[in-house]
Amino acid sequence: MKKVLIIDDEPLARSIVKEFLKNHSELEVVGECNNGFEGLKAIEAHAPDLIFLDIQMPKINGFEMLEIIDEDPSVIFTTAYDEYAIKAFETSAVDYLLKPFTQDRFNMAIEKWKKNTNQTVSTSLSETTQKQPNEGQRIVVKENGNIKIIPTKDVIYIEAYDDYVKIHTSEKYHLKKKTMSYYEQTLDKRDFLRIHRSYILNLNELLRIESFEKNSYRATLSNGAQIPISRNAYGELKSVLGV
């Protein structure tokens, strides 16, 4: 018996999935959740073989939830929004069911999952270039089992750190398994600028630019941090600042 978890904030949508699953006796529903936080707890508790997951949900969305779990599960997205289809497949989703879907379309997704169960998925959930819903306004991190949502306006700068990045705020820094390129593409370019291969700056937190050694510059930020500015980025930074 394979374990199935349903995560959707709409009770009717969850009931439809359960009804359609009655035609698949080899699958057992081990839990229902109406938001991403409940989903995280249920995944840890039940270790489901397959998840039916909505995208737009309260608190954290489906993509954000997947990003902070430890394993890459088998996922079939169920959503009313077709604009996230490309993103869903970039995150190695088994299938993408656009509401309202039929029993036949549902069965096709199940069969696709069965065929893919023993295949290795090459794309990681943790790193895609397609912009996620709300990712330009917030960053979700997991620390010591707790979930924290950081508004991007509270980010002072982002620093490269091996396979991770450090998200620096006025309180502390948070580790996130993403790349600098990801945030360079995702964050609002009106507020954020990559000023060095290892640093992305929140322009609103910049206090001053100073000469540093020969033909080099550094930025002093609102929290007192001083970070280097590459030669190539210096001209772009001056242009953005209008100086």
C-alpha atoms as a PDB file:
ATOM      1  CA  MET A   1       0.000   0.000   0.000  1.00  0.00           C
ATOM      2  CA  LYS A   2       1.379   3.390  -1.035  1.00  0.00           C
ATOM      3  CA  LYS A   3       0.799   6.427   1.184  1.00  0.00           C
ATOM      4  CA  VAL A   4      -0.810   9.578  -0.221  1.00  0.00           C
ATOM      5  CA  LEU A   5      -0.969  13.048   1.327  1.00  0.00           C
ATOM      6  CA  ILE A   6      -3.355  15.781   0.124  1.00  0.00           C
ATOM      7  CA  ILE A   7      -2.384  19.429   0.716  1.00  0.00           C
ATOM      8  CA  ASP A   8      -4.948  21.993  -0.434  1.00  0.00           C
ATOM      9  CA  ASP A   9      -6.684  24.880   1.313  1.00  0.00           C
ATOM     10  CA  GLU A  10     -10.015  24.105  -0.392  1.00  0.00           C
ATOM     11  CA  PRO A  11     -12.065  21.355   1.323  1.00  0.00           C
ATOM     12  CA  LEU A  12     -13.974  20.643  -1.900  1.00  0.00           C
ATOM     13  CA  ALA A  13     -10.736  20.140  -3.819  1.00  0.00           C
ATOM     14  CA  ARG A  14      -9.470  17.703  -1.184  1.00  0.00           C
ATOM     15  CA  SER A  15     -12.745  15.762  -1.289  1.00  0.00           C
ATOM     16  CA  ILE A  16     -12.551  15.434  -5.079  1.00  0.00           C
ATOM     17  CA  VAL A  17      -9.033  13.997  -4.889  1.00  0.00           C
ATOM     18  CA  LYS A  18     -10.186  11.526  -2.216  1.00  0.00           C
ATOM     19  CA  GLU A  19     -13.169  10.537  -4.342  1.00  0.00           C
ATOM     20  CA  PHE A  20     -10.983   9.941  -7.410  1.00  0.00           C
ATOM     21  CA  LEU A  21      -8.521   7.922  -5.311  1.00  0.00           C
ATOM     22  CA  LYS A  22     -11.256   5.382  -4.534  1.00  0.00           C
ATOM     23  CA  ASN A  23     -10.528   3.900  -7.966  1.00  0.00           C
ATOM     24  CA  HIS A  24      -6.940   3.210  -6.870  1.00  0.00           C
ATOM     25  CA  SER A  25      -7.142   0.697  -4.042  1.00  0.00           C
ATOM     26  CA  GLU A  26      -3.358   0.428  -3.827  1.00  0.00           C
ATOM     27  CA  LEU A  27      -3.191   4.029  -2.552  1.00  0.00           C
ATOM     28  CA  GLU A  28      -4.040   5.058   1.013  1.00  0.00           C
ATOM     29  CA  VAL A  29      -4.729   8.639   2.101  1.00  0.00           C
ATOM     30  CA  VAL A  30      -2.705   9.140   5.285  1.00  0.00           C
ATOM     31  CA  GLY A  31      -3.502  12.809   5.794  1.00  0.00           C
ATOM     32  CA  GLU A  32      -5.163  16.027   4.640  1.00  0.00           C
ATOM     33  CA  CYS A  33      -3.721  19.519   5.147  1.00  0.00           C
ATOM     34  CA  ASN A  34      -5.094  22.951   4.322  1.00  0.00           C
ATOM     35  CA  ASN A  35      -1.798  24.886   4.256  1.00  0.00           C
ATOM     36  CA  GLY A  36       1.934  24.470   3.793  1.00  0.00           C
ATOM     37  CA  PHE A  37       2.784  24.494   7.495  1.00  0.00           C
ATOM     38  CA  GLU A  38       0.438  21.578   8.137  1.00  0.00           C
ATOM     39  CA  GLY A  39       1.896  19.913   5.062  1.00  0.00           C
ATOM     40  CA  LEU A  40       5.444  20.095   6.431  1.00  0.00           C
ATOM     41  CA  LYS A  41       4.397  18.415   9.673  1.00  0.00           C
ATOM     42  CA  ALA A  42       2.408  15.726   7.838  1.00  0.00           C
ATOM     43  CA  ILE A  43       5.291  14.935   5.483  1.00  0.00           C
ATOM     44  CA  GLU A  44       7.613  14.478   8.449  1.00  0.00           C
ATOM     45  CA  ALA A  45       5.065  12.337  10.292  1.00  0.00           C
ATOM     46  CA  HIS A  46       3.913  10.098   7.427  1.00  0.00           C
ATOM     47  CA  ALA A  47       6.723  10.084   4.806  1.00  0.00           C
ATOM     48  CA  PRO A  48       4.166   9.851   1.966  1.00  0.00           C
ATOM     49  CA  ASP A  49       4.969   8.187  -1.336  1.00  0.00           C
ATOM     50  CA  LEU A  50       2.885  10.716  -3.287  1.00  0.00           C
ATOM     51  CA  ILE A  51       1.647  14.227  -2.544  1.00  0.00           C
ATOM     52  CA  PHE A  52      -1.252  16.041  -4.206  1.00  0.00           C
ATOM     53  CA  LEU A  53      -0.304  19.678  -3.729  1.00  0.00           C
ATOM     54  CA  ASP A  54      -2.023  23.000  -4.359  1.00  0.00           C
ATOM     55  CA  ILE A  55       0.186  26.000  -5.177  1.00  0.00           C
ATOM     56  CA  GLN A  56      -1.591  29.113  -3.933  1.00  0.00           C
ATOM     57  CA  MET A  57      -2.252  28.549  -0.229  1.00  0.00           C
ATOM     58  CA  PRO A  58      -2.257  30.670   2.947  1.00  0.00           C
ATOM     59  CA  LYS A  59       0.984  31.284   4.888  1.00  0.00           C
ATOM     60  CA  ILE A  60       3.425  29.604   2.490  1.00  0.00           C
ATOM     61  CA  ASN A  61       2.705  28.401  -1.038  1.00  0.00           C
ATOM     62  CA  GLY A  62       3.304  24.936  -2.432  1.00  0.00           C
ATOM     63  CA  PHE A  63       6.661  25.758  -4.016  1.00  0.00           C
ATOM     64  CA  GLU A  64       7.988  27.323  -0.818  1.00  0.00           C
ATOM     65  CA  MET A  65       6.891  24.288   1.161  1.00  0.00           C
ATOM     66  CA  LEU A  66       8.714  21.907  -1.165  1.00  0.00           C
ATOM     67  CA  GLU A  67      11.851  23.996  -1.024  1.00  0.00           C
ATOM     68  CA  ILE A  68      12.311  23.584   2.720  1.00  0.00           C
ATOM     69  CA  ILE A  69      11.658  19.858   3.121  1.00  0.00           C
ATOM     70  CA  ASP A  70      14.628  17.503   3.319  1.00  0.00           C
ATOM     71  CA  GLU A  71      13.634  15.070   0.585  1.00  0.00           C
ATOM     72  CA  ASP A  72      12.357  15.495  -2.979  1.00  0.00           C
ATOM     73  CA  PRO A  73       8.933  13.770  -2.910  1.00  0.00           C
ATOM     74  CA  SER A  74       6.748  12.628  -5.783  1.00  0.00           C
ATOM     75  CA  VAL A  75       4.337  15.505  -6.361  1.00  0.00           C
ATOM     76  CA  ILE A  76       1.248  15.983  -8.495  1.00  0.00           C
ATOM     77  CA  PHE A  77       0.210  19.631  -8.453  1.00  0.00           C
ATOM     78  CA  THR A  78      -3.517  20.432  -8.337  1.00  0.00           C
ATOM     79  CA  THR A  79      -4.224  24.084  -9.012  1.00  0.00           C
ATOM     80  CA  ALA A  80      -6.596  26.516 -10.667  1.00  0.00           C
ATOM     81  CA  TYR A  81      -3.728  28.593 -12.089  1.00  0.00           C
ATOM     82  CA  ASP A  82      -2.129  27.504 -15.345  1.00  0.00           C
ATOM     83  CA  GLU A  83       0.672  30.117 -15.192  1.00  0.00           C
ATOM     84  CA  TYR A  84       2.664  27.899 -12.813  1.00  0.00           C
ATOM     85  CA  ALA A  85       2.826  24.871 -15.111  1.00  0.00           C
ATOM     86  CA  ILE A  86       6.375  25.510 -16.327  1.00  0.00           C
ATOM     87  CA  LYS A  87       7.589  26.074 -12.788  1.00  0.00           C
ATOM     88  CA  ALA A  88       5.896  22.868 -11.639  1.00  0.00           C
ATOM     89  CA  PHE A  89       7.707  20.735 -14.186  1.00  0.00           C
ATOM     90  CA  GLU A  90      10.988  22.496 -13.453  1.00  0.00           C
ATOM     91  CA  THR A  91      10.599  21.271  -9.880  1.00  0.00           C
ATOM     92  CA  SER A  92      10.352  17.681 -11.148  1.00  0.00           C
ATOM     93  CA  ALA A  93       6.629  17.378 -10.573  1.00  0.00           C
ATOM     94  CA  VAL A  94       5.090  14.140 -11.808  1.00  0.00           C
ATOM     95  CA  ASP A  95       2.136  15.999 -13.305  1.00  0.00           C
ATOM     96  CA  TYR A  96       0.112  19.200 -13.189  1.00  0.00           C
ATOM     97  CA  LEU A  97      -3.661  18.925 -12.851  1.00  0.00           C
ATOM     98  CA  LEU A  98      -5.535  22.086 -13.736  1.00  0.00           C
ATOM     99  CA  LYS A  99      -8.780  22.433 -11.787  1.00  0.00           C
ATOM    100  CA  PRO A 100     -11.413  21.311 -12.532  1.00  0.00           C
ATOM    101  CA  PHE A 101      -9.969  18.003 -13.767  1.00  0.00           C
ATOM    102  CA  THR A 102     -11.755  14.767 -14.624  1.00  0.00           C
ATOM    103  CA  GLN A 103     -11.368  11.244 -13.286  1.00  0.00           C
ATOM    104  CA  ASP A 104      -9.728  10.220 -16.569  1.00  0.00           C
ATOM    105  CA  ARG A 105      -7.155  13.019 -16.359  1.00  0.00           C
ATOM    106  CA  PHE A 106      -6.547  12.136 -12.713  1.00  0.00           C
ATOM    107  CA  ASN A 107      -6.001   8.479 -13.634  1.00  0.00           C
ATOM    108  CA  MET A 108      -3.462   9.523 -16.263  1.00  0.00           C
ATOM    109  CA  ALA A 109      -1.479  11.380 -13.620  1.00  0.00           C
ATOM    110  CA  ILE A 110      -1.497   8.329 -11.337  1.00  0.00           C
ATOM    111  CA  GLU A 111      -0.274   6.070 -14.157  1.00  0.00           C
ATOM    112  CA  LYS A 112       2.466   8.546 -14.977  1.00  0.00           C
ATOM    113  CA  TRP A 113       3.573   8.502 -11.356  1.00  0.00           C
ATOM    114  CA  LYS A 114       3.684   4.700 -11.301  1.00  0.00           C
ATOM    115  CA  LYS A 115       5.907   4.680 -14.373  1.00  0.00           C
ATOM    116  CA  ASN A 116       8.218   7.310 -12.894  1.00  0.00           C
ATOM    117  CA  THR A 117       8.488   5.766  -9.435  1.00  0.00           C
ATOM    118  CA  ASN A 118      11.616   3.804 -10.216  1.00  0.00           C
ATOM    119  CA  GLN A 119      13.251   6.465 -12.368  1.00  0.00           C
ATOM    120  CA  THR A 120      15.842   8.951 -11.111  1.00  0.00           C
ATOM    121  CA  VAL A 121      14.724  12.581 -11.277  1.00  0.00           C
ATOM    122  CA  SER A 122      17.488  14.840 -12.533  1.00  0.00           C
ATOM    123  CA  THR A 123      16.105  18.251 -11.594  1.00  0.00           C
ATOM    124  CA  SER A 124      16.300  19.431  -7.996  1.00  0.00           C
ATOM    125  CA  LEU A 125      13.435  21.140  -6.226  1.00  0.00           C
ATOM    126  CA  SER A 126      15.886  23.436  -4.502  1.00  0.00           C
ATOM    127  CA  GLU A 127      17.184  25.309  -7.514  1.00  0.00           C
ATOM    128  CA  THR A 128      15.201  26.535 -10.501  1.00  0.00           C
ATOM    129  CA  THR A 129      15.369  29.816 -12.351  1.00  0.00           C
ATOM    130  CA  GLN A 130      11.650  30.290 -12.833  1.00  0.00           C
ATOM    131  CA  LYS A 131      10.322  32.903 -10.459  1.00  0.00           C
ATOM    132  CA  GLN A 132       8.120  31.541  -7.688  1.00  0.00           C
ATOM    133  CA  PRO A 133       4.896  33.151  -6.490  1.00  0.00           C
ATOM    134  CA  ASN A 134       5.763  35.865  -3.914  1.00  0.00           C
ATOM    135  CA  GLU A 135       9.492  35.073  -4.120  1.00  0.00           C
ATOM    136  CA  GLY A 136      10.189  38.670  -5.095  1.00  0.00           C
ATOM    137  CA  GLN A 137       8.582  39.862  -1.842  1.00  0.00           C
ATOM    138  CA  ARG A 138       9.697  37.269   0.694  1.00  0.00           C
ATOM    139  CA  ILE A 139      12.213  34.522   1.408  1.00  0.00           C
ATOM    140  CA  VAL A 140      11.224  31.432   3.383  1.00  0.00           C
ATOM    141  CA  VAL A 141      13.903  29.714   5.478  1.00  0.00           C
ATOM    142  CA  LYS A 142      13.925  26.734   7.821  1.00  0.00           C
ATOM    143  CA  GLU A 143      16.077  26.769  10.947  1.00  0.00           C
ATOM    144  CA  ASN A 144      16.083  24.192  13.743  1.00  0.00           C
ATOM    145  CA  GLY A 145      12.724  22.892  12.598  1.00  0.00           C
ATOM    146  CA  ASN A 146      11.139  26.350  12.589  1.00  0.00           C
ATOM    147  CA  ILE A 147       9.892  28.238   9.520  1.00  0.00           C
ATOM    148  CA  LYS A 148      10.672  31.923   9.154  1.00  0.00           C
ATOM    149  CA  ILE A 149       9.325  34.249   6.475  1.00  0.00           C
ATOM    150  CA  ILE A 150      11.668  37.154   5.712  1.00  0.00           C
ATOM    151  CA  PRO A 151      10.232  40.091   3.737  1.00  0.00           C
ATOM    152  CA  THR A 152      12.811  41.047   1.106  1.00  0.00           C
ATOM    153  CA  LYS A 153      12.637  44.664   2.321  1.00  0.00           C
ATOM    154  CA  ASP A 154      14.294  43.408   5.534  1.00  0.00           C
ATOM    155  CA  VAL A 155      17.231  41.864   3.662  1.00  0.00           C
ATOM    156  CA  ILE A 156      20.342  44.057   3.901  1.00  0.00           C
ATOM    157  CA  TYR A 157      22.518  41.980   1.598  1.00  0.00           C
ATOM    158  CA  ILE A 158      23.017  38.448   0.317  1.00  0.00           C
ATOM    159  CA  GLU A 159      26.380  36.717   0.451  1.00  0.00           C
ATOM    160  CA  ALA A 160      27.629  33.625  -1.407  1.00  0.00           C
ATOM    161  CA  TYR A 161      28.527  30.774   0.963  1.00  0.00           C
ATOM    162  CA  ASP A 162      29.643  27.521  -0.701  1.00  0.00           C
ATOM    163  CA  ASP A 163      26.485  25.745  -1.936  1.00  0.00           C
ATOM    164  CA  TYR A 164      24.312  28.161   0.045  1.00  0.00           C
ATOM    165  CA  VAL A 165      23.783  31.881   0.407  1.00  0.00           C
ATOM    166  CA  LYS A 166      23.651  33.924   3.595  1.00  0.00           C
ATOM    167  CA  ILE A 167      20.572  36.139   3.838  1.00  0.00           C
ATOM    168  CA  HIS A 168      21.706  39.025   6.065  1.00  0.00           C
ATOM    169  CA  THR A 169      19.116  41.002   8.043  1.00  0.00           C
ATOM    170  CA  SER A 170      19.502  43.462  10.918  1.00  0.00           C
ATOM    171  CA  GLU A 171      19.092  40.602  13.409  1.00  0.00           C
ATOM    172  CA  LYS A 172      21.256  37.814  11.981  1.00  0.00           C
ATOM    173  CA  TYR A 173      21.923  35.874   8.813  1.00  0.00           C
ATOM    174  CA  HIS A 174      19.982  32.876   7.523  1.00  0.00           C
ATOM    175  CA  LEU A 175      21.302  30.100   5.283  1.00  0.00           C
ATOM    176  CA  LYS A 176      19.385  29.250   2.138  1.00  0.00           C
ATOM    177  CA  LYS A 177      20.216  26.533  -0.391  1.00  0.00           C
ATOM    178  CA  LYS A 178      20.049  28.746  -3.460  1.00  0.00           C
ATOM    179  CA  THR A 179      22.568  30.368  -5.794  1.00  0.00           C
ATOM    180  CA  MET A 180      23.515  34.001  -6.217  1.00  0.00           C
ATOM    181  CA  SER A 181      22.313  33.806  -9.825  1.00  0.00           C
ATOM    182  CA  TYR A 182      18.880  32.743  -8.622  1.00  0.00           C
ATOM    183  CA  TYR A 183      18.443  35.817  -6.447  1.00  0.00           C
ATOM    184  CA  GLU A 184      20.034  38.085  -9.025  1.00  0.00           C
ATOM    185  CA  GLN A 185      17.264  37.052 -11.428  1.00  0.00           C
ATOM    186  CA  THR A 186      14.443  36.877  -8.878  1.00  0.00           C
ATOM    187  CA  LEU A 187      14.758  39.963  -6.682  1.00  0.00           C
ATOM    188  CA  ASP A 188      13.367  43.326  -7.754  1.00  0.00           C
ATOM    189  CA  LYS A 189      16.116  45.070  -9.716  1.00  0.00           C
ATOM    190  CA  ARG A 190      14.849  48.434  -8.514  1.00  0.00           C
ATOM    191  CA  ASP A 191      15.949  47.486  -4.993  1.00  0.00           C
ATOM    192  CA  PHE A 192      18.680  44.871  -5.382  1.00  0.00           C
ATOM    193  CA  LEU A 193      21.936  44.916  -7.342  1.00  0.00           C
ATOM    194  CA  ARG A 194      24.738  42.377  -7.564  1.00  0.00           C
ATOM    195  CA  ILE A 195      27.813  44.459  -6.828  1.00  0.00           C
ATOM    196  CA  HIS A 196      30.298  41.572  -6.630  1.00  0.00           C
ATOM    197  CA  ARG A 197      30.327  37.901  -7.569  1.00  0.00           C
ATOM    198  CA  SER A 198      29.788  37.131  -3.872  1.00  0.00           C
ATOM    199  CA  TYR A 199      27.395  39.938  -2.875  1.00  0.00           C
ATOM    200  CA  ILE A 200      23.929  41.264  -3.735  1.00  0.00           C
ATOM    201  CA  LEU A 201      23.082  44.601  -2.146  1.00  0.00           C
ATOM    202  CA  ASN A 202      19.761  46.049  -1.045  1.00  0.00           C
ATOM    203  CA  LEU A 203      20.180  49.578  -2.411  1.00  0.00           C
ATOM    204  CA  ASN A 204      17.919  50.953   0.320  1.00  0.00           C
ATOM    205  CA  GLU A 205      20.472  49.833   2.936  1.00  0.00           C
ATOM    206  CA  LEU A 206      23.473  51.539   1.333  1.00  0.00           C
ATOM    207  CA  LEU A 207      24.966  54.348   3.433  1.00  0.00           C
ATOM    208  CA  ARG A 208      28.078  55.276   1.469  1.00  0.00           C
ATOM    209  CA  ILE A 209      30.657  54.171  -1.082  1.00  0.00           C
ATOM    210  CA  GLU A 210      34.343  54.513  -0.182  1.00  0.00           C
ATOM    211  CA  SER A 211      37.676  54.041  -1.913  1.00  0.00           C
ATOM    212  CA  PHE A 212      39.409  50.918  -0.717  1.00  0.00           C
ATOM    213  CA  GLU A 213      42.983  50.132  -1.679  1.00  0.00           C
ATOM    214  CA  LYS A 214      44.080  50.833  -5.269  1.00  0.00           C
ATOM    215  CA  ASN A 215      41.268  51.391  -7.792  1.00  0.00           C
ATOM    216  CA  SER A 216      38.770  49.516  -5.670  1.00  0.00           C
ATOM    217  CA  TYR A 217      35.677  50.439  -3.670  1.00  0.00           C
ATOM    218  CA  ARG A 218      33.536  49.102  -0.893  1.00  0.00           C
ATOM    219  CA  ALA A 219      29.988  49.739   0.278  1.00  0.00           C
ATOM    220  CA  THR A 220      29.089  50.545   3.870  1.00  0.00           C
ATOM    221  CA  LEU A 221      25.623  49.329   4.839  1.00  0.00           C
ATOM    222  CA  SER A 222      23.053  50.246   7.466  1.00  0.00           C
ATOM    223  CA  ASN A 223      24.177  47.443   9.810  1.00  0.00           C
ATOM    224  CA  GLY A 224      27.807  48.553   9.627  1.00  0.00           C
ATOM    225  CA  ALA A 225      28.884  45.811   7.247  1.00  0.00           C
ATOM    226  CA  GLN A 226      31.401  46.723   4.551  1.00  0.00           C
ATOM    227  CA  ILE A 227      31.362  44.700   1.346  1.00  0.00           C
ATOM    228  CA  PRO A 228      33.485  44.983  -1.803  1.00  0.00           C
ATOM    229  CA  ILE A 229      32.278  46.419  -5.097  1.00  0.00           C
ATOM    230  CA  SER A 230      33.709  44.887  -8.255  1.00  0.00           C
ATOM    231  CA  ARG A 231      35.110  47.164 -10.955  1.00  0.00           C
ATOM    232  CA  ASN A 232      32.409  46.135 -13.417  1.00  0.00           C
ATOM    233  CA  ALA A 233      29.606  46.708 -10.898  1.00  0.00           C
ATOM    234  CA  TYR A 234      30.932  50.081  -9.728  1.00  0.00           C
ATOM    235  CA  GLY A 235      29.851  51.869 -12.895  1.00  0.00           C
ATOM    236  CA  GLU A 236      26.435  50.194 -12.829  1.00  0.00           C
ATOM    237  CA  LEU A 237      25.974  51.110  -9.175  1.00  0.00           C
ATOM    238  CA  LYS A 238      26.774  54.777  -9.856  1.00  0.00           C
ATOM    239  CA  SER A 239      24.332  54.756 -12.752  1.00  0.00           C
ATOM    240  CA  VAL A 240      21.569  53.265 -10.637  1.00  0.00           C
ATOM    241  CA  LEU A 241      22.217  55.853  -7.920  1.00  0.00           C
ATOM    242  CA  GLY A 242      22.264  58.669 -10.475  1.00  0.00           C
ATOM    243  CA  VAL A 243      25.796  59.868  -9.650  1.00  0.00           C
END
